[in-house]
Amino acid sequence: MRLLHTMLRVGDLDRSLKFYTELLGMKLLRRHEYPEGRFTLAFVGYTDESEGAVIELTHNWDTTAYDLGAGYGHIAIEVDDAYAACEKIKAQGGNVTREAGPMKHGTTVIAFVTDPDGYKVEFIQKKTK
């Protein structure tokens, strides 16, 4: 068994694809429209789906926004430099909700940003050996 993907419902697929590909550096792996069901699926990730887990962005054509609810946490991405990653996000108009710095009660450097739909993405700085 292995983890395949995490699905997020998005209100504006083009805006979300821009965030995940241009700001976070993922690749659009595949995209398919389902006109009869009035939805589009787009899969993004850093590696091919056969090599690792990816994110499925689901756009229901008749829905422009979702209530995220209280149960969702975040997606975590390892970065070389969380400080630089935050600066890149801000320079490109993205939203940093927690600046890079050590986590509470620990030393791991983390940061949080939100995607265009309000989903949280955590940057975890790669530990140096």
C-alpha atoms as a PDB file:
ATOM      1  CA  MET A   1       0.000   0.000   0.000  1.00  0.00           C
ATOM      2  CA  ARG A   2       1.034   3.607  -0.537  1.00  0.00           C
ATOM      3  CA  LEU A   3      -0.436   7.086  -0.292  1.00  0.00           C
ATOM      4  CA  LEU A   4      -1.559   8.274  -3.756  1.00  0.00           C
ATOM      5  CA  HIS A   5      -2.909  11.802  -3.341  1.00  0.00           C
ATOM      6  CA  THR A   6      -4.721  14.357  -1.218  1.00  0.00           C
ATOM      7  CA  MET A   7      -7.783  15.968  -2.819  1.00  0.00           C
ATOM      8  CA  LEU A   8      -8.599  19.657  -2.348  1.00  0.00           C
ATOM      9  CA  ARG A   9     -11.732  21.307  -3.731  1.00  0.00           C
ATOM     10  CA  VAL A  10     -10.881  24.657  -5.312  1.00  0.00           C
ATOM     11  CA  GLY A  11     -13.054  27.549  -6.436  1.00  0.00           C
ATOM     12  CA  ASP A  12     -10.889  28.790  -9.334  1.00  0.00           C
ATOM     13  CA  LEU A  13      -8.741  26.087 -10.913  1.00  0.00           C
ATOM     14  CA  ASP A  14      -6.503  28.408 -12.943  1.00  0.00           C
ATOM     15  CA  ARG A  15      -5.727  30.518  -9.852  1.00  0.00           C
ATOM     16  CA  SER A  16      -4.954  27.383  -7.828  1.00  0.00           C
ATOM     17  CA  LEU A  17      -2.784  25.876 -10.575  1.00  0.00           C
ATOM     18  CA  LYS A  18      -0.804  29.112 -10.732  1.00  0.00           C
ATOM     19  CA  PHE A  19      -0.219  28.984  -6.949  1.00  0.00           C
ATOM     20  CA  TYR A  20       0.871  25.343  -6.842  1.00  0.00           C
ATOM     21  CA  THR A  21       3.010  25.465 -10.005  1.00  0.00           C
ATOM     22  CA  GLU A  22       4.465  28.979 -10.000  1.00  0.00           C
ATOM     23  CA  LEU A  23       4.704  29.774  -6.284  1.00  0.00           C
ATOM     24  CA  LEU A  24       5.342  26.283  -4.907  1.00  0.00           C
ATOM     25  CA  GLY A  25       7.197  24.905  -7.933  1.00  0.00           C
ATOM     26  CA  MET A  26       5.058  21.806  -8.503  1.00  0.00           C
ATOM     27  CA  LYS A  27       4.356  20.423 -11.964  1.00  0.00           C
ATOM     28  CA  LEU A  28       0.943  19.918 -13.514  1.00  0.00           C
ATOM     29  CA  LEU A  29       1.004  16.157 -13.971  1.00  0.00           C
ATOM     30  CA  ARG A  30      -2.382  15.674 -15.603  1.00  0.00           C
ATOM     31  CA  ARG A  31      -5.692  17.437 -16.076  1.00  0.00           C
ATOM     32  CA  HIS A  32      -9.032  16.068 -17.264  1.00  0.00           C
ATOM     33  CA  GLU A  33     -12.402  17.755 -17.720  1.00  0.00           C
ATOM     34  CA  TYR A  34     -15.664  15.920 -17.102  1.00  0.00           C
ATOM     35  CA  PRO A  35     -18.313  18.027 -18.890  1.00  0.00           C
ATOM     36  CA  GLU A  36     -21.199  15.711 -18.034  1.00  0.00           C
ATOM     37  CA  GLY A  37     -20.324  15.957 -14.335  1.00  0.00           C
ATOM     38  CA  ARG A  38     -19.378  19.647 -14.604  1.00  0.00           C
ATOM     39  CA  PHE A  39     -15.991  19.251 -12.906  1.00  0.00           C
ATOM     40  CA  THR A  40     -12.268  19.196 -13.691  1.00  0.00           C
ATOM     41  CA  LEU A  41      -9.508  17.237 -11.962  1.00  0.00           C
ATOM     42  CA  ALA A  42      -5.906  18.447 -12.033  1.00  0.00           C
ATOM     43  CA  PHE A  43      -3.037  16.599 -10.365  1.00  0.00           C
ATOM     44  CA  VAL A  44       0.066  18.489  -9.254  1.00  0.00           C
ATOM     45  CA  GLY A  45       3.243  17.377  -7.529  1.00  0.00           C
ATOM     46  CA  TYR A  46       7.020  17.389  -7.374  1.00  0.00           C
ATOM     47  CA  THR A  47       7.418  13.875  -8.737  1.00  0.00           C
ATOM     48  CA  ASP A  48       5.512  11.603 -11.053  1.00  0.00           C
ATOM     49  CA  GLU A  49       2.508   9.929  -9.437  1.00  0.00           C
ATOM     50  CA  SER A  50       4.255   6.561  -9.721  1.00  0.00           C
ATOM     51  CA  GLU A  51       7.058   7.890  -7.492  1.00  0.00           C
ATOM     52  CA  GLY A  52       5.241   9.781  -4.736  1.00  0.00           C
ATOM     53  CA  ALA A  53       2.061  11.300  -3.390  1.00  0.00           C
ATOM     54  CA  VAL A  54       0.524  14.265  -5.230  1.00  0.00           C
ATOM     55  CA  ILE A  55      -2.323  16.742  -4.784  1.00  0.00           C
ATOM     56  CA  GLU A  56      -5.590  16.409  -6.683  1.00  0.00           C
ATOM     57  CA  LEU A  57      -7.255  19.777  -7.274  1.00  0.00           C
ATOM     58  CA  THR A  58     -10.973  19.298  -7.900  1.00  0.00           C
ATOM     59  CA  HIS A  59     -12.887  22.147  -9.488  1.00  0.00           C
ATOM     60  CA  ASN A  60     -16.669  21.790  -9.503  1.00  0.00           C
ATOM     61  CA  TRP A  61     -17.677  24.251 -12.207  1.00  0.00           C
ATOM     62  CA  ASP A  62     -20.701  25.620 -10.360  1.00  0.00           C
ATOM     63  CA  THR A  63     -18.952  26.257  -7.016  1.00  0.00           C
ATOM     64  CA  THR A  64     -16.666  29.250  -6.485  1.00  0.00           C
ATOM     65  CA  ALA A  65     -15.796  28.815  -2.783  1.00  0.00           C
ATOM     66  CA  TYR A  66     -15.880  26.234   0.004  1.00  0.00           C
ATOM     67  CA  ASP A  67     -16.146  26.298   3.784  1.00  0.00           C
ATOM     68  CA  LEU A  68     -12.888  24.697   4.869  1.00  0.00           C
ATOM     69  CA  GLY A  69     -14.296  23.463   8.170  1.00  0.00           C
ATOM     70  CA  ALA A  70     -12.418  22.889  11.402  1.00  0.00           C
ATOM     71  CA  GLY A  71     -11.055  19.427  10.635  1.00  0.00           C
ATOM     72  CA  TYR A  72      -8.551  20.235   7.904  1.00  0.00           C
ATOM     73  CA  GLY A  73      -4.972  20.834   8.993  1.00  0.00           C
ATOM     74  CA  HIS A  74      -2.369  21.490   6.308  1.00  0.00           C
ATOM     75  CA  ILE A  75      -0.111  20.145   3.598  1.00  0.00           C
ATOM     76  CA  ALA A  76       3.590  20.001   4.559  1.00  0.00           C
ATOM     77  CA  ILE A  77       6.425  20.626   2.103  1.00  0.00           C
ATOM     78  CA  GLU A  78      10.118  20.263   2.874  1.00  0.00           C
ATOM     79  CA  VAL A  79      12.170  23.264   1.728  1.00  0.00           C
ATOM     80  CA  ASP A  80      15.903  24.002   1.833  1.00  0.00           C
ATOM     81  CA  ASP A  81      15.363  27.474   3.334  1.00  0.00           C
ATOM     82  CA  ALA A  82      11.993  28.403   4.878  1.00  0.00           C
ATOM     83  CA  TYR A  83      12.982  32.068   5.146  1.00  0.00           C
ATOM     84  CA  ALA A  84      13.763  32.290   1.416  1.00  0.00           C
ATOM     85  CA  ALA A  85      10.623  30.318   0.549  1.00  0.00           C
ATOM     86  CA  CYS A  86       8.487  32.867   2.437  1.00  0.00           C
ATOM     87  CA  GLU A  87      10.206  35.771   0.707  1.00  0.00           C
ATOM     88  CA  LYS A  88       9.513  34.167  -2.687  1.00  0.00           C
ATOM     89  CA  ILE A  89       5.844  33.686  -1.824  1.00  0.00           C
ATOM     90  CA  LYS A  90       5.485  37.310  -0.685  1.00  0.00           C
ATOM     91  CA  ALA A  91       7.349  38.663  -3.719  1.00  0.00           C
ATOM     92  CA  GLN A  92       4.895  36.879  -5.992  1.00  0.00           C
ATOM     93  CA  GLY A  93       1.817  38.136  -4.133  1.00  0.00           C
ATOM     94  CA  GLY A  94       1.229  35.070  -1.973  1.00  0.00           C
ATOM     95  CA  ASN A  95       0.013  35.092   1.621  1.00  0.00           C
ATOM     96  CA  VAL A  96       2.443  34.136   4.419  1.00  0.00           C
ATOM     97  CA  THR A  97       0.435  33.568   7.601  1.00  0.00           C
ATOM     98  CA  ARG A  98       3.341  32.528   9.847  1.00  0.00           C
ATOM     99  CA  GLU A  99       6.813  33.786   9.078  1.00  0.00           C
ATOM    100  CA  ALA A 100       9.676  31.317   9.102  1.00  0.00           C
ATOM    101  CA  GLY A 101      11.181  30.579  12.484  1.00  0.00           C
ATOM    102  CA  PRO A 102      11.627  27.836  15.071  1.00  0.00           C
ATOM    103  CA  MET A 103       8.466  26.001  16.073  1.00  0.00           C
ATOM    104  CA  LYS A 104       7.156  26.408  19.599  1.00  0.00           C
ATOM    105  CA  HIS A 105       8.835  24.034  22.031  1.00  0.00           C
ATOM    106  CA  GLY A 106      11.378  22.929  19.408  1.00  0.00           C
ATOM    107  CA  THR A 107      14.084  23.934  16.974  1.00  0.00           C
ATOM    108  CA  THR A 108      12.652  22.885  13.615  1.00  0.00           C
ATOM    109  CA  VAL A 109      12.217  25.942  11.379  1.00  0.00           C
ATOM    110  CA  ILE A 110       8.697  26.144   9.939  1.00  0.00           C
ATOM    111  CA  ALA A 111       6.440  28.649   8.199  1.00  0.00           C
ATOM    112  CA  PHE A 112       2.850  28.699   6.932  1.00  0.00           C
ATOM    113  CA  VAL A 113       1.321  30.102   3.768  1.00  0.00           C
ATOM    114  CA  THR A 114      -2.204  29.837   2.401  1.00  0.00           C
ATOM    115  CA  ASP A 115      -3.223  28.946  -1.116  1.00  0.00           C
ATOM    116  CA  PRO A 116      -5.859  31.001  -2.995  1.00  0.00           C
ATOM    117  CA  ASP A 117      -8.691  28.988  -1.409  1.00  0.00           C
ATOM    118  CA  GLY A 118      -7.374  29.385   2.138  1.00  0.00           C
ATOM    119  CA  TYR A 119      -5.817  25.917   2.524  1.00  0.00           C
ATOM    120  CA  LYS A 120      -2.752  25.990   4.770  1.00  0.00           C
ATOM    121  CA  VAL A 121       0.631  24.864   3.470  1.00  0.00           C
ATOM    122  CA  GLU A 122       3.479  24.374   5.943  1.00  0.00           C
ATOM    123  CA  PHE A 123       7.104  24.774   4.942  1.00  0.00           C
ATOM    124  CA  ILE A 124       9.462  22.636   7.011  1.00  0.00           C
ATOM    125  CA  GLN A 125      13.109  23.571   6.600  1.00  0.00           C
ATOM    126  CA  LYS A 126      15.364  20.648   5.782  1.00  0.00           C
ATOM    127  CA  LYS A 127      17.611  19.864   8.709  1.00  0.00           C
ATOM    128  CA  THR A 128      21.326  20.147   8.117  1.00  0.00           C
ATOM    129  CA  LYS A 129      23.403  17.180   9.186  1.00  0.00           C
END
